[in-house]
Amino acid sequence: MHLILMTRGIQQSRDLWKKFMETQWFDWKRQPILKDDNNNFIRNPDGSLKRGGDQFSRVQGALRPIELWEYVFPQESLQEVLAMMNMHKSYNNLRPEVKNYAWILRKLTGAKKIPDMPELQKKESWEITQKNIPMQGMCAYPIGIREDITKDFAWDEGTRNAVAFHQEGL
């Protein structure tokens, strides 16, 4: 059985919840498939395999995070961000377990599909960035992008220390 859920809360509380969830053990009911004296599986008259009585063993619950993240960076760095996680060649070729609902996540988050960049896909990651994020033992699926507003931003306006920039509103 798989329970799909989202979490939200104070990081310390979430971490404690995570530790407890990862350490829970449960009874796992199984029924052995019976064999005859010649080591062949025994079949019922209807063709199904004959099973023995219930056996129980212990199994640990597996907490498999399916996390939705928002990574904020300057717009000009999209290619570098994709390359540093080695997804610059596969950003538009999602695995089946993600592909079927990626559009829903884009809609919920106000994101749009990552534009096709054929020239980027021809390059190796080291040609795009010197940054390399270890990805062994995990997967990251690029769902989409959302652009920030670019406008004039001012701080302490009207004072001698006023600072103003025309920038992307990260």
N, C-alpha and C. Protein backbone atom coordinates (compact mmCIF):
# COMPACT_ATOMS: atom_id res chain seq x y z
N MET A 1 0.85 -1.17 0.00
CA MET A 1 0.00 0.00 0.00
C MET A 1 0.90 1.24 0.00
N HIS A 2 0.49 2.25 -0.72
CA HIS A 2 1.24 3.50 -0.79
C HIS A 2 0.31 4.64 -0.38
N LEU A 3 0.71 5.39 0.61
CA LEU A 3 -0.02 6.59 1.02
C LEU A 3 0.73 7.78 0.45
N ILE A 4 0.09 8.54 -0.41
CA ILE A 4 0.70 9.73 -1.00
C ILE A 4 0.24 10.91 -0.17
N LEU A 5 1.18 11.71 0.32
CA LEU A 5 0.83 12.86 1.15
C LEU A 5 1.84 13.97 0.96
N MET A 6 1.47 15.15 1.37
CA MET A 6 2.37 16.30 1.35
C MET A 6 2.58 16.73 2.80
N THR A 7 3.74 17.29 3.06
CA THR A 7 4.00 17.81 4.40
C THR A 7 4.25 19.31 4.31
N ARG A 8 4.01 19.95 5.42
CA ARG A 8 4.25 21.38 5.54
C ARG A 8 4.45 21.65 7.02
N GLY A 9 5.40 22.47 7.35
CA GLY A 9 5.57 22.79 8.76
C GLY A 9 6.97 23.27 9.08
N ILE A 10 7.21 23.44 10.35
CA ILE A 10 8.51 23.87 10.82
C ILE A 10 9.51 22.77 10.50
N GLN A 11 10.68 23.14 9.98
CA GLN A 11 11.67 22.16 9.53
C GLN A 11 12.04 21.17 10.64
N GLN A 12 12.23 21.65 11.84
CA GLN A 12 12.61 20.78 12.95
C GLN A 12 11.51 19.74 13.23
N SER A 13 10.27 20.16 13.19
CA SER A 13 9.15 19.23 13.40
C SER A 13 9.05 18.23 12.25
N ARG A 14 9.27 18.70 11.04
CA ARG A 14 9.23 17.83 9.86
C ARG A 14 10.34 16.79 9.94
N ASP A 15 11.52 17.20 10.37
CA ASP A 15 12.64 16.26 10.49
C ASP A 15 12.36 15.19 11.55
N LEU A 16 11.75 15.58 12.67
CA LEU A 16 11.41 14.63 13.72
C LEU A 16 10.36 13.64 13.21
N TRP A 17 9.33 14.14 12.52
CA TRP A 17 8.31 13.29 11.92
C TRP A 17 8.96 12.29 10.97
N LYS A 18 9.87 12.78 10.14
CA LYS A 18 10.56 11.94 9.16
C LYS A 18 11.33 10.82 9.84
N LYS A 19 12.05 11.13 10.89
CA LYS A 19 12.82 10.11 11.62
C LYS A 19 11.90 9.03 12.19
N PHE A 20 10.79 9.44 12.79
CA PHE A 20 9.85 8.46 13.34
C PHE A 20 9.22 7.61 12.24
N MET A 21 8.84 8.22 11.14
CA MET A 21 8.23 7.47 10.04
C MET A 21 9.19 6.43 9.48
N GLU A 22 10.46 6.76 9.40
CA GLU A 22 11.46 5.86 8.82
C GLU A 22 11.77 4.66 9.73
N THR A 23 11.41 4.74 10.99
CA THR A 23 11.79 3.69 11.94
C THR A 23 10.65 2.76 12.34
N GLN A 24 9.52 2.86 11.69
CA GLN A 24 8.36 2.04 12.07
C GLN A 24 8.42 0.68 11.39
N TRP A 25 8.06 -0.36 12.15
CA TRP A 25 8.01 -1.73 11.66
C TRP A 25 6.58 -2.24 11.68
N PHE A 26 6.24 -3.10 10.72
CA PHE A 26 4.88 -3.60 10.59
C PHE A 26 4.90 -5.11 10.36
N ASP A 27 3.80 -5.76 10.74
CA ASP A 27 3.63 -7.18 10.43
C ASP A 27 3.25 -7.30 8.96
N TRP A 28 3.94 -8.20 8.27
CA TRP A 28 3.71 -8.42 6.84
C TRP A 28 3.21 -9.84 6.66
N LYS A 29 1.96 -9.96 6.24
CA LYS A 29 1.32 -11.27 6.07
C LYS A 29 1.65 -11.81 4.68
N ARG A 30 2.12 -13.06 4.67
CA ARG A 30 2.38 -13.74 3.40
C ARG A 30 1.89 -15.17 3.49
N GLN A 31 1.59 -15.75 2.35
CA GLN A 31 1.17 -17.15 2.28
C GLN A 31 2.11 -17.87 1.32
N PRO A 32 2.78 -18.90 1.82
CA PRO A 32 3.71 -19.61 0.92
C PRO A 32 2.94 -20.38 -0.16
N ILE A 33 3.53 -20.43 -1.34
CA ILE A 33 2.99 -21.25 -2.43
C ILE A 33 3.52 -22.66 -2.21
N LEU A 34 2.62 -23.63 -2.14
CA LEU A 34 2.99 -25.00 -1.78
C LEU A 34 3.57 -25.78 -2.97
N LYS A 35 4.51 -26.69 -2.63
CA LYS A 35 5.15 -27.55 -3.64
C LYS A 35 4.89 -29.01 -3.29
N ASP A 36 4.94 -29.85 -4.31
CA ASP A 36 4.80 -31.29 -4.07
C ASP A 36 6.17 -31.91 -3.78
N ASP A 37 6.22 -33.25 -3.66
CA ASP A 37 7.47 -33.93 -3.34
C ASP A 37 8.52 -33.81 -4.43
N ASN A 38 8.10 -33.49 -5.66
CA ASN A 38 9.03 -33.32 -6.78
C ASN A 38 9.46 -31.86 -6.96
N ASN A 39 9.14 -31.04 -5.98
CA ASN A 39 9.50 -29.62 -5.97
C ASN A 39 8.76 -28.81 -7.05
N ASN A 40 7.58 -29.28 -7.46
CA ASN A 40 6.74 -28.55 -8.41
C ASN A 40 5.63 -27.83 -7.63
N PHE A 41 5.25 -26.68 -8.11
CA PHE A 41 4.16 -25.96 -7.46
C PHE A 41 2.86 -26.73 -7.63
N ILE A 42 2.06 -26.75 -6.57
CA ILE A 42 0.77 -27.45 -6.59
C ILE A 42 -0.31 -26.47 -7.06
N ARG A 43 -1.17 -26.95 -7.95
CA ARG A 43 -2.24 -26.10 -8.48
C ARG A 43 -3.59 -26.57 -7.95
N ASN A 44 -4.49 -25.62 -7.73
CA ASN A 44 -5.87 -25.91 -7.36
C ASN A 44 -6.62 -26.38 -8.61
N PRO A 45 -7.81 -26.96 -8.45
CA PRO A 45 -8.60 -27.40 -9.62
C PRO A 45 -8.87 -26.27 -10.62
N ASP A 46 -8.94 -25.02 -10.13
CA ASP A 46 -9.21 -23.90 -11.06
C ASP A 46 -7.94 -23.38 -11.73
N GLY A 47 -6.78 -23.99 -11.43
CA GLY A 47 -5.53 -23.59 -12.07
C GLY A 47 -4.69 -22.62 -11.25
N SER A 48 -5.26 -22.04 -10.22
CA SER A 48 -4.49 -21.12 -9.38
C SER A 48 -3.53 -21.91 -8.50
N LEU A 49 -2.51 -21.24 -8.01
CA LEU A 49 -1.51 -21.90 -7.17
C LEU A 49 -2.06 -22.10 -5.77
N LYS A 50 -1.78 -23.27 -5.19
CA LYS A 50 -2.26 -23.61 -3.85
C LYS A 50 -1.35 -22.92 -2.82
N ARG A 51 -2.00 -22.29 -1.86
CA ARG A 51 -1.27 -21.55 -0.84
C ARG A 51 -1.40 -22.21 0.52
N GLY A 52 -0.37 -22.01 1.32
CA GLY A 52 -0.39 -22.50 2.70
C GLY A 52 -0.97 -21.45 3.61
N GLY A 53 -0.88 -21.69 4.91
CA GLY A 53 -1.42 -20.77 5.89
C GLY A 53 -0.63 -19.47 6.00
N ASP A 54 -1.23 -18.51 6.66
CA ASP A 54 -0.60 -17.20 6.83
C ASP A 54 0.71 -17.31 7.59
N GLN A 55 1.71 -16.58 7.11
CA GLN A 55 2.98 -16.43 7.81
C GLN A 55 3.24 -14.94 7.96
N PHE A 56 3.82 -14.58 9.07
CA PHE A 56 4.08 -13.16 9.31
C PHE A 56 5.57 -12.93 9.51
N SER A 57 6.04 -11.84 8.93
CA SER A 57 7.40 -11.38 9.19
C SER A 57 7.31 -9.87 9.42
N ARG A 58 8.40 -9.28 9.82
CA ARG A 58 8.42 -7.85 10.09
C ARG A 58 9.06 -7.12 8.91
N VAL A 59 8.49 -5.99 8.56
CA VAL A 59 9.04 -5.17 7.48
C VAL A 59 9.01 -3.72 7.94
N GLN A 60 10.05 -3.00 7.54
CA GLN A 60 10.15 -1.59 7.91
C GLN A 60 9.42 -0.73 6.88
N GLY A 61 8.66 0.24 7.35
CA GLY A 61 8.00 1.17 6.44
C GLY A 61 9.05 1.95 5.64
N ALA A 62 8.80 2.17 4.38
CA ALA A 62 9.74 2.88 3.52
C ALA A 62 9.19 4.27 3.22
N LEU A 63 9.86 5.28 3.72
CA LEU A 63 9.47 6.66 3.45
C LEU A 63 10.21 7.10 2.20
N ARG A 64 9.48 7.24 1.13
CA ARG A 64 10.06 7.63 -0.16
C ARG A 64 9.60 9.04 -0.49
N PRO A 65 10.45 10.02 -0.27
CA PRO A 65 10.01 11.39 -0.51
C PRO A 65 9.71 11.67 -1.98
N ILE A 66 8.59 12.30 -2.20
CA ILE A 66 8.24 12.88 -3.49
C ILE A 66 8.08 14.36 -3.18
N GLU A 67 9.15 15.09 -3.32
CA GLU A 67 9.15 16.48 -2.87
C GLU A 67 9.01 17.42 -4.06
N LEU A 68 8.31 18.48 -3.85
CA LEU A 68 8.15 19.52 -4.85
C LEU A 68 8.96 20.72 -4.37
N TRP A 69 9.94 21.09 -5.13
CA TRP A 69 10.83 22.19 -4.76
C TRP A 69 10.69 23.33 -5.75
N GLU A 70 11.00 24.51 -5.27
CA GLU A 70 11.11 25.69 -6.12
C GLU A 70 12.52 26.23 -5.93
N TYR A 71 13.31 26.23 -6.98
CA TYR A 71 14.69 26.73 -6.92
C TYR A 71 14.71 28.08 -7.62
N VAL A 72 15.18 29.09 -6.93
CA VAL A 72 15.15 30.46 -7.44
C VAL A 72 16.56 30.85 -7.88
N PHE A 73 16.67 31.36 -9.11
CA PHE A 73 17.97 31.74 -9.68
C PHE A 73 17.71 32.77 -10.78
N PRO A 74 18.75 33.49 -11.22
CA PRO A 74 18.57 34.47 -12.30
C PRO A 74 18.16 33.79 -13.60
N GLN A 75 17.29 34.44 -14.34
CA GLN A 75 16.73 33.89 -15.58
C GLN A 75 17.82 33.47 -16.57
N GLU A 76 18.89 34.24 -16.63
CA GLU A 76 19.97 33.95 -17.58
C GLU A 76 20.70 32.64 -17.27
N SER A 77 20.47 32.08 -16.10
CA SER A 77 21.21 30.89 -15.65
C SER A 77 20.45 29.59 -15.85
N LEU A 78 19.34 29.60 -16.57
CA LEU A 78 18.54 28.39 -16.74
C LEU A 78 19.37 27.24 -17.31
N GLN A 79 20.12 27.49 -18.34
CA GLN A 79 20.92 26.42 -18.95
C GLN A 79 21.96 25.88 -17.97
N GLU A 80 22.58 26.77 -17.21
CA GLU A 80 23.58 26.35 -16.22
C GLU A 80 22.94 25.50 -15.12
N VAL A 81 21.76 25.90 -14.65
CA VAL A 81 21.08 25.15 -13.59
C VAL A 81 20.72 23.75 -14.09
N LEU A 82 20.22 23.64 -15.30
CA LEU A 82 19.91 22.32 -15.86
C LEU A 82 21.17 21.47 -16.01
N ALA A 83 22.25 22.09 -16.49
CA ALA A 83 23.50 21.35 -16.72
C ALA A 83 24.17 20.92 -15.42
N MET A 84 24.09 21.73 -14.38
CA MET A 84 24.79 21.37 -13.14
C MET A 84 24.17 20.14 -12.48
N MET A 85 22.92 19.83 -12.81
CA MET A 85 22.28 18.60 -12.32
C MET A 85 22.23 17.54 -13.42
N ASN A 86 22.95 17.79 -14.50
CA ASN A 86 23.05 16.88 -15.65
C ASN A 86 21.69 16.52 -16.24
N MET A 87 20.80 17.51 -16.30
CA MET A 87 19.50 17.28 -16.92
C MET A 87 19.30 18.16 -18.15
N HIS A 88 20.39 18.73 -18.67
CA HIS A 88 20.30 19.61 -19.83
C HIS A 88 19.95 18.87 -21.11
N LYS A 89 20.13 17.56 -21.15
CA LYS A 89 19.78 16.78 -22.34
C LYS A 89 18.41 16.12 -22.23
N SER A 90 17.87 16.04 -21.01
CA SER A 90 16.64 15.27 -20.81
C SER A 90 15.51 16.06 -20.16
N TYR A 91 15.61 17.38 -20.10
CA TYR A 91 14.61 18.18 -19.39
C TYR A 91 13.22 18.07 -19.99
N ASN A 92 13.10 17.74 -21.26
CA ASN A 92 11.78 17.60 -21.88
C ASN A 92 11.41 16.14 -22.14
N ASN A 93 12.16 15.21 -21.56
CA ASN A 93 11.91 13.78 -21.75
C ASN A 93 11.72 13.14 -20.38
N LEU A 94 10.59 13.43 -19.75
CA LEU A 94 10.34 12.98 -18.38
C LEU A 94 9.99 11.49 -18.34
N ARG A 95 10.33 10.86 -17.24
CA ARG A 95 9.98 9.46 -17.03
C ARG A 95 8.46 9.32 -16.89
N PRO A 96 7.93 8.13 -17.21
CA PRO A 96 6.47 7.93 -17.17
C PRO A 96 5.83 8.25 -15.83
N GLU A 97 6.51 7.96 -14.71
CA GLU A 97 5.89 8.22 -13.40
C GLU A 97 5.72 9.70 -13.11
N VAL A 98 6.34 10.57 -13.90
CA VAL A 98 6.22 12.01 -13.71
C VAL A 98 5.49 12.65 -14.89
N LYS A 99 5.76 12.16 -16.07
CA LYS A 99 5.24 12.76 -17.30
C LYS A 99 3.71 12.92 -17.29
N ASN A 100 3.01 11.91 -16.77
CA ASN A 100 1.55 11.93 -16.83
C ASN A 100 0.91 13.01 -15.97
N TYR A 101 1.60 13.50 -14.96
CA TYR A 101 0.99 14.54 -14.13
C TYR A 101 1.83 15.81 -14.02
N ALA A 102 2.89 15.92 -14.80
CA ALA A 102 3.72 17.13 -14.77
C ALA A 102 2.89 18.36 -15.16
N TRP A 103 1.97 18.22 -16.11
CA TRP A 103 1.16 19.36 -16.54
C TRP A 103 0.29 19.87 -15.41
N ILE A 104 -0.18 18.96 -14.54
CA ILE A 104 -0.99 19.38 -13.40
C ILE A 104 -0.15 20.20 -12.43
N LEU A 105 1.06 19.72 -12.17
CA LEU A 105 1.96 20.45 -11.26
C LEU A 105 2.33 21.82 -11.84
N ARG A 106 2.53 21.88 -13.15
CA ARG A 106 2.81 23.19 -13.78
C ARG A 106 1.62 24.13 -13.58
N LYS A 107 0.43 23.61 -13.79
CA LYS A 107 -0.77 24.44 -13.63
C LYS A 107 -0.93 24.91 -12.19
N LEU A 108 -0.74 24.00 -11.22
CA LEU A 108 -0.88 24.35 -9.81
C LEU A 108 0.15 25.39 -9.35
N THR A 109 1.33 25.34 -9.93
CA THR A 109 2.40 26.24 -9.50
C THR A 109 2.55 27.48 -10.39
N GLY A 110 1.72 27.58 -11.42
CA GLY A 110 1.81 28.73 -12.32
C GLY A 110 3.05 28.68 -13.21
N ALA A 111 3.58 27.49 -13.42
CA ALA A 111 4.78 27.34 -14.24
C ALA A 111 4.40 27.02 -15.68
N LYS A 112 5.38 27.12 -16.55
CA LYS A 112 5.19 26.72 -17.94
C LYS A 112 6.28 25.71 -18.30
N LYS A 113 6.06 25.02 -19.39
CA LYS A 113 7.00 24.01 -19.83
C LYS A 113 8.35 24.67 -20.16
N ILE A 114 9.43 23.97 -19.89
CA ILE A 114 10.76 24.48 -20.23
C ILE A 114 10.86 24.53 -21.75
N PRO A 115 11.28 25.67 -22.30
CA PRO A 115 11.32 25.78 -23.76
C PRO A 115 12.35 24.81 -24.36
N ASP A 116 12.09 24.40 -25.58
CA ASP A 116 13.01 23.51 -26.27
C ASP A 116 14.29 24.27 -26.60
N MET A 117 15.43 23.71 -26.25
CA MET A 117 16.73 24.32 -26.52
C MET A 117 17.63 23.27 -27.17
N PRO A 118 17.45 23.02 -28.48
CA PRO A 118 18.20 21.95 -29.16
C PRO A 118 19.72 22.12 -29.08
N GLU A 119 20.21 23.34 -29.11
CA GLU A 119 21.66 23.56 -29.03
C GLU A 119 22.21 23.15 -27.67
N LEU A 120 21.44 23.38 -26.63
CA LEU A 120 21.85 22.99 -25.28
C LEU A 120 22.00 21.47 -25.18
N GLN A 121 21.08 20.75 -25.80
CA GLN A 121 21.09 19.30 -25.71
C GLN A 121 22.27 18.65 -26.43
N LYS A 122 22.94 19.39 -27.29
CA LYS A 122 24.10 18.87 -28.01
C LYS A 122 25.39 19.00 -27.20
N LYS A 123 25.35 19.77 -26.12
CA LYS A 123 26.56 20.05 -25.34
C LYS A 123 26.70 19.09 -24.16
N GLU A 124 27.92 18.98 -23.68
CA GLU A 124 28.20 18.26 -22.44
C GLU A 124 28.08 19.25 -21.29
N SER A 125 27.80 18.76 -20.10
CA SER A 125 27.59 19.66 -18.97
C SER A 125 28.81 20.53 -18.69
N TRP A 126 30.03 19.99 -18.85
CA TRP A 126 31.24 20.78 -18.58
C TRP A 126 31.42 21.93 -19.56
N GLU A 127 30.74 21.88 -20.71
CA GLU A 127 30.80 22.98 -21.67
C GLU A 127 29.88 24.13 -21.26
N ILE A 128 28.98 23.88 -20.33
CA ILE A 128 27.98 24.86 -19.92
C ILE A 128 28.31 25.44 -18.55
N THR A 129 28.79 24.60 -17.64
CA THR A 129 29.04 25.06 -16.27
C THR A 129 30.18 24.29 -15.63
N GLN A 130 30.81 24.92 -14.65
CA GLN A 130 31.82 24.25 -13.83
C GLN A 130 31.20 23.68 -12.56
N LYS A 131 29.92 23.97 -12.35
CA LYS A 131 29.21 23.48 -11.17
C LYS A 131 28.72 22.06 -11.43
N ASN A 132 28.83 21.22 -10.42
CA ASN A 132 28.37 19.84 -10.54
C ASN A 132 27.72 19.44 -9.23
N ILE A 133 26.46 19.07 -9.28
CA ILE A 133 25.71 18.66 -8.10
C ILE A 133 25.65 17.13 -8.08
N PRO A 134 26.11 16.47 -7.01
CA PRO A 134 26.02 15.01 -6.96
C PRO A 134 24.56 14.56 -7.02
N MET A 135 24.27 13.62 -7.90
CA MET A 135 22.89 13.15 -8.09
C MET A 135 22.77 11.64 -7.89
N GLN A 136 23.81 10.98 -7.39
CA GLN A 136 23.75 9.54 -7.19
C GLN A 136 22.69 9.21 -6.14
N GLY A 137 21.88 8.19 -6.43
CA GLY A 137 20.88 7.73 -5.47
C GLY A 137 19.62 8.55 -5.42
N MET A 138 19.42 9.43 -6.37
CA MET A 138 18.20 10.23 -6.39
C MET A 138 17.88 10.67 -7.81
N CYS A 139 16.70 11.16 -7.99
CA CYS A 139 16.26 11.70 -9.28
C CYS A 139 15.68 13.08 -9.06
N ALA A 140 15.89 13.95 -10.00
CA ALA A 140 15.26 15.27 -10.00
C ALA A 140 14.56 15.41 -11.35
N TYR A 141 13.30 15.76 -11.32
CA TYR A 141 12.51 15.87 -12.53
C TYR A 141 12.16 17.33 -12.75
N PRO A 142 12.64 17.94 -13.82
CA PRO A 142 12.31 19.34 -14.09
C PRO A 142 10.87 19.48 -14.58
N ILE A 143 10.00 20.01 -13.75
CA ILE A 143 8.58 20.11 -14.05
C ILE A 143 8.29 21.31 -14.96
N GLY A 144 8.86 22.46 -14.67
CA GLY A 144 8.61 23.65 -15.46
C GLY A 144 9.32 24.85 -14.87
N ILE A 145 9.11 25.99 -15.48
CA ILE A 145 9.73 27.24 -15.03
C ILE A 145 8.66 28.31 -14.85
N ARG A 146 8.95 29.25 -13.99
CA ARG A 146 8.07 30.40 -13.79
C ARG A 146 8.97 31.63 -13.76
N GLU A 147 8.68 32.58 -14.63
CA GLU A 147 9.51 33.78 -14.72
C GLU A 147 9.10 34.79 -13.66
N ASP A 148 10.10 35.53 -13.19
CA ASP A 148 9.86 36.60 -12.23
C ASP A 148 9.54 37.90 -12.96
N ILE A 149 8.94 38.81 -12.25
CA ILE A 149 8.69 40.15 -12.79
C ILE A 149 10.01 40.91 -12.83
N THR A 150 10.28 41.60 -13.92
CA THR A 150 11.45 42.48 -14.02
C THR A 150 10.94 43.90 -14.03
N LYS A 151 11.43 44.72 -13.08
CA LYS A 151 10.97 46.09 -12.98
C LYS A 151 11.98 46.91 -12.19
N ASP A 152 11.67 48.17 -11.95
CA ASP A 152 12.52 49.03 -11.12
C ASP A 152 12.21 48.75 -9.66
N PHE A 153 13.24 48.44 -8.90
CA PHE A 153 13.12 48.22 -7.46
C PHE A 153 13.92 49.29 -6.75
N ALA A 154 13.35 49.92 -5.72
CA ALA A 154 14.04 50.96 -4.97
C ALA A 154 13.93 50.68 -3.47
N TRP A 155 15.01 50.94 -2.75
CA TRP A 155 15.05 50.78 -1.30
C TRP A 155 15.42 52.13 -0.69
N ASP A 156 14.78 52.47 0.40
CA ASP A 156 15.02 53.75 1.09
C ASP A 156 14.85 54.93 0.15
N GLU A 157 13.83 54.85 -0.69
CA GLU A 157 13.60 55.91 -1.68
C GLU A 157 13.39 57.24 -0.97
N GLY A 158 13.98 58.26 -1.51
CA GLY A 158 13.86 59.61 -0.94
C GLY A 158 14.91 59.91 0.12
N THR A 159 15.80 58.99 0.39
CA THR A 159 16.88 59.24 1.36
C THR A 159 18.21 59.28 0.63
N ARG A 160 19.23 59.75 1.34
CA ARG A 160 20.58 59.83 0.77
C ARG A 160 21.14 58.44 0.46
N ASN A 161 20.66 57.44 1.20
CA ASN A 161 21.14 56.07 1.01
C ASN A 161 20.28 55.27 0.03
N ALA A 162 19.49 55.97 -0.76
CA ALA A 162 18.59 55.29 -1.69
C ALA A 162 19.38 54.43 -2.67
N VAL A 163 18.86 53.24 -2.92
CA VAL A 163 19.45 52.31 -3.88
C VAL A 163 18.32 51.87 -4.79
N ALA A 164 18.59 51.84 -6.07
CA ALA A 164 17.57 51.42 -7.03
C ALA A 164 18.22 50.60 -8.14
N PHE A 165 17.50 49.58 -8.55
CA PHE A 165 17.96 48.74 -9.64
C PHE A 165 16.77 48.37 -10.52
N HIS A 166 17.04 48.23 -11.80
CA HIS A 166 16.08 47.59 -12.69
C HIS A 166 16.53 46.14 -12.73
N GLN A 167 15.68 45.25 -12.19
CA GLN A 167 16.13 43.86 -12.04
C GLN A 167 14.97 42.89 -12.04
N GLU A 168 15.36 41.65 -12.12
CA GLU A 168 14.42 40.54 -11.96
C GLU A 168 14.12 40.43 -10.46
N GLY A 169 12.85 40.28 -10.12
CA GLY A 169 12.47 40.24 -8.72
C GLY A 169 12.55 38.85 -8.13
N LEU A 170 13.77 38.37 -7.92
CA LEU A 170 13.97 37.04 -7.37
C LEU A 170 13.26 36.91 -6.06
